[in-house]
Structure formats: C-alpha cells, structure tokens
Amino acid sequence: MRAGPDLSSCSRETDPQEVKMHCTHYGFADNVRFLGYRADTQKLLAATDIVVLPSRIEGLPLFAVEALASGRPVVATAVGGTPEVVIDHETGLLVPPEDSSWFAEAGDYLLGYRELRKRMGMRGRELVEERFDVRTQIERTIALYSDLLQATRILSRRTANASSVRESVRAYSGGA
C-alpha cells in the first residue's frame, strides 16, 4: 500500500502479535492501530474507507455483509462464499488467497479513487438490501416452504392415485 495510510486491525481469529510482526517486517507498523476484538463495528466502519478481509477459509462472510451494508467497499480473498457477497469490481475487489501483493495493489487502487469507492459502497448497500435483508430472507423462506408443501401434496395425490390403480388392477386380475 502507498506510504502513510492509517490502518486499523480488528480480529477475533488472527493472532494480534502475528499481525504486528508482519506490519513491523514490512515497515508500516507505525500506521496501524491494533484494536483487537471490538463490538462497535458500526462505529468503526463509519470511519473507514475500505474493508479488507484476507481470509484463507470463509463460509458466508458476515463482516463483509456488514461492511457493504454500511456502504464500504471490500477487498477480500476469493474463497468460500465470499464471491457471493463481494462482487468483483462491483461491490469491491477479489484477490487470490495468500497473495499479499494483490491485496496491497487492490487496497492501494481503491484508496486512490474516492468516486469508485463511493460507487462500490452504494452498490454494496443495494446488494445487501436485495439479498440479505431480514424481510427478504423471511419472504424467500416462506415461498420455499410453500413450494415444498405444494410439491408434497402433488406427490401424495400421485401416490394415492397409483395405489388406487394398483388395487384396481389386482381386483380385475383376480387378486394376484
């Protein structure tokens, strides 16, 4: 990343000493604040330009969803469910896992283009509202259950009809 950006590090899973060691090794430890685990993520996100998610393994990255909901673009590794949340060049940038040079380039690129960050952040917020809004999830779940219930009823009728046909055939053929 370019010289001088202020970075903050919050993590539940990364060893803070390991992060500090890497930052010192690469010469930007003076620009990083190590915050540890924080519960006030909304407050922190409001003060951020970009969010970085360097996961090696990820399911559905809820922190990326939170970041996009707050209008912040995300630079993340293309692992697990991350590409479902971070749409490359639309809501953020995806980079290969375990490649710090790609991360640095992507972060530096976004930091250099305020309007692009704004556009990606707005699109990210829209995406979260479209895909991850609680009401939308409830409506989709109800629709799925409704479809399953209807399919079950159709199968039950077909099974009942098939049983009826088998009984008629047996009666007609003398019960064999």
Protein backbone atom coordinates (compact mmCIF):
# COMPACT_ATOMS: atom_id res chain seq x y z
CA MET A 1 0.00 0.00 0.00
CA ARG A 2 1.13 3.54 -0.54
CA ALA A 3 3.06 5.16 2.27
CA GLY A 4 1.06 6.66 5.05
CA PRO A 5 -2.49 5.27 5.11
CA ASP A 6 -3.95 4.84 8.57
CA LEU A 7 -4.92 1.24 9.09
CA SER A 8 -6.84 -0.36 11.92
CA SER A 9 -6.76 -4.06 12.66
CA CYS A 10 -9.66 -5.79 14.40
CA SER A 11 -9.88 -9.54 14.52
CA ARG A 12 -11.20 -12.39 16.57
CA GLU A 13 -9.25 -15.08 14.79
CA THR A 14 -5.88 -13.64 13.86
CA ASP A 15 -3.17 -13.54 16.48
CA PRO A 16 -2.53 -9.80 17.04
CA GLN A 17 1.15 -10.47 17.72
CA GLU A 18 1.47 -12.18 14.33
CA VAL A 19 -0.16 -9.20 12.60
CA LYS A 20 2.10 -6.76 14.46
CA MET A 21 5.15 -8.81 13.48
CA HIS A 22 4.18 -8.72 9.78
CA CYS A 23 3.46 -4.99 9.90
CA THR A 24 6.84 -4.35 11.51
CA HIS A 25 8.57 -6.59 8.97
CA TYR A 26 7.02 -4.70 6.04
CA GLY A 27 7.67 -1.30 7.59
CA PHE A 28 4.22 0.10 8.22
CA ALA A 29 3.60 -0.77 11.88
CA ASP A 30 3.56 2.95 12.72
CA ASN A 31 0.49 3.39 10.52
CA VAL A 32 -1.52 0.56 12.08
CA ARG A 33 -3.64 0.63 15.21
CA PHE A 34 -4.18 -2.81 16.69
CA LEU A 35 -7.66 -2.72 18.19
CA GLY A 36 -8.23 -6.39 18.95
CA TYR A 37 -11.79 -7.67 19.12
CA ARG A 38 -14.40 -4.91 19.08
CA ALA A 39 -18.16 -4.99 19.47
CA ASP A 40 -18.70 -1.50 17.99
CA THR A 41 -18.13 -2.46 14.37
CA GLN A 42 -20.71 0.00 13.00
CA LYS A 43 -18.83 2.90 14.56
CA LEU A 44 -15.53 1.62 13.16
CA LEU A 45 -16.99 1.02 9.70
CA ALA A 46 -18.32 4.58 9.59
CA ALA A 47 -14.74 5.80 9.94
CA THR A 48 -13.30 3.51 7.24
CA ASP A 49 -12.60 4.00 3.55
CA ILE A 50 -12.26 0.31 2.65
CA VAL A 51 -12.56 -3.00 4.46
CA VAL A 52 -10.04 -5.78 3.97
CA LEU A 53 -10.97 -9.42 4.51
CA PRO A 54 -7.87 -11.61 3.98
CA SER A 55 -9.47 -14.96 4.81
CA ARG A 56 -7.93 -18.28 3.85
CA ILE A 57 -11.18 -20.12 4.57
CA GLU A 58 -14.59 -18.50 4.72
CA GLY A 59 -18.23 -19.54 4.75
CA LEU A 60 -20.55 -16.61 4.24
CA PRO A 61 -18.50 -13.63 5.47
CA LEU A 62 -20.92 -11.73 7.68
CA PHE A 63 -18.37 -8.99 8.30
CA ALA A 64 -18.29 -8.33 4.54
CA VAL A 65 -22.11 -8.14 4.60
CA GLU A 66 -21.88 -5.63 7.48
CA ALA A 67 -19.23 -3.60 5.64
CA LEU A 68 -21.30 -3.46 2.46
CA ALA A 69 -24.43 -2.58 4.43
CA SER A 70 -22.55 0.42 5.80
CA GLY A 71 -21.57 1.46 2.28
CA ARG A 72 -17.91 0.41 2.39
CA PRO A 73 -16.24 -1.45 -0.48
CA VAL A 74 -14.44 -4.66 0.45
CA VAL A 75 -11.12 -6.07 -0.70
CA ALA A 76 -11.30 -9.81 0.00
CA THR A 77 -9.87 -13.14 -0.95
CA ALA A 78 -11.93 -15.16 -3.42
CA VAL A 79 -12.55 -18.08 -1.06
CA GLY A 80 -15.67 -19.92 0.11
CA GLY A 81 -18.83 -17.83 0.00
CA THR A 82 -17.02 -14.51 -0.30
CA PRO A 83 -17.70 -14.09 -4.06
CA GLU A 84 -21.43 -14.31 -3.27
CA VAL A 85 -21.09 -11.18 -1.14
CA VAL A 86 -18.19 -9.28 -2.68
CA ILE A 87 -18.94 -8.96 -6.39
CA ASP A 88 -15.60 -8.29 -8.08
CA HIS A 89 -15.36 -4.75 -9.48
CA GLU A 90 -18.94 -4.06 -8.39
CA THR A 91 -19.03 -4.08 -4.57
CA GLY A 92 -15.30 -4.47 -4.03
CA LEU A 93 -12.28 -6.31 -5.32
CA LEU A 94 -11.49 -10.01 -5.06
CA VAL A 95 -7.90 -11.20 -4.91
CA PRO A 96 -6.27 -14.63 -4.81
CA PRO A 97 -5.83 -16.10 -1.32
CA GLU A 98 -2.45 -15.78 0.38
CA ASP A 99 -1.10 -13.23 -2.11
CA SER A 100 -0.26 -10.06 -0.19
CA SER A 101 0.96 -8.21 -3.30
CA TRP A 102 -2.52 -8.47 -4.88
CA PHE A 103 -4.04 -7.28 -1.63
CA ALA A 104 -1.71 -4.31 -1.47
CA GLU A 105 -2.39 -3.37 -5.10
CA ALA A 106 -6.16 -3.70 -4.71
CA GLY A 107 -6.21 -1.68 -1.49
CA ASP A 108 -3.94 0.99 -2.93
CA TYR A 109 -6.07 1.18 -6.07
CA LEU A 110 -9.30 1.73 -4.13
CA LEU A 111 -7.70 4.26 -1.81
CA GLY A 112 -6.73 6.27 -4.88
CA TYR A 113 -10.25 6.52 -6.34
CA ARG A 114 -12.77 8.06 -3.99
CA GLU A 115 -15.65 8.05 -6.50
CA LEU A 116 -15.07 4.38 -7.26
CA ARG A 117 -15.15 3.58 -3.52
CA LYS A 118 -18.37 5.55 -3.22
CA ARG A 119 -19.96 3.79 -6.20
CA MET A 120 -18.91 0.33 -4.94
CA GLY A 121 -20.15 1.19 -1.45
CA MET A 122 -23.56 2.27 -2.77
CA ARG A 123 -23.85 -0.88 -4.89
CA GLY A 124 -22.81 -2.95 -1.87
CA ARG A 125 -25.56 -1.43 0.24
CA GLU A 126 -28.09 -2.18 -2.53
CA LEU A 127 -26.85 -5.77 -2.80
CA VAL A 128 -27.24 -6.32 0.95
CA GLU A 129 -30.77 -4.92 0.84
CA GLU A 130 -31.61 -7.16 -2.14
CA ARG A 131 -30.08 -10.39 -0.86
CA PHE A 132 -29.59 -10.21 2.88
CA ASP A 133 -32.42 -8.09 4.26
CA VAL A 134 -34.26 -9.98 7.01
CA ARG A 135 -37.66 -9.35 5.45
CA THR A 136 -36.42 -10.62 2.08
CA GLN A 137 -34.97 -13.73 3.72
CA ILE A 138 -38.26 -14.41 5.53
CA GLU A 139 -40.26 -13.97 2.31
CA ARG A 140 -37.93 -16.33 0.44
CA THR A 141 -38.11 -18.91 3.21
CA ILE A 142 -41.91 -18.77 3.27
CA ALA A 143 -42.02 -19.11 -0.53
CA LEU A 144 -39.68 -22.12 -0.37
CA TYR A 145 -41.81 -23.83 2.30
CA SER A 146 -44.94 -23.07 0.32
CA ASP A 147 -43.42 -24.61 -2.82
CA LEU A 148 -42.30 -27.68 -0.85
CA LEU A 149 -45.74 -28.09 0.71
CA GLN A 150 -47.41 -27.86 -2.71
CA ALA A 151 -44.95 -30.40 -4.17
CA THR A 152 -45.63 -32.75 -1.24
CA ARG A 153 -49.39 -32.51 -1.83
CA ILE A 154 -48.94 -33.29 -5.53
CA LEU A 155 -46.75 -36.30 -4.71
CA SER A 156 -49.26 -37.50 -2.11
CA ARG A 157 -52.08 -37.35 -4.68
CA ARG A 158 -49.98 -39.18 -7.26
CA THR A 159 -49.09 -41.85 -4.70
CA ALA A 160 -52.73 -42.21 -3.68
CA ASN A 161 -53.76 -42.46 -7.35
CA ALA A 162 -51.05 -45.03 -8.04
CA SER A 163 -52.21 -47.13 -5.07
CA SER A 164 -55.78 -46.91 -6.32
CA VAL A 165 -54.72 -48.03 -9.81
CA ARG A 166 -52.72 -50.97 -8.36
CA GLU A 167 -55.73 -52.09 -6.31
CA SER A 168 -58.00 -51.88 -9.37
CA VAL A 169 -55.54 -53.93 -11.43
CA ARG A 170 -55.30 -56.56 -8.66
CA ALA A 171 -59.10 -56.75 -8.35
CA TYR A 172 -59.52 -57.04 -12.12
CA SER A 173 -56.86 -59.74 -12.45
CA GLY A 174 -58.32 -61.84 -9.69
CA GLY A 175 -56.27 -60.58 -6.74
CA ALA A 176 -52.89 -61.91 -7.91
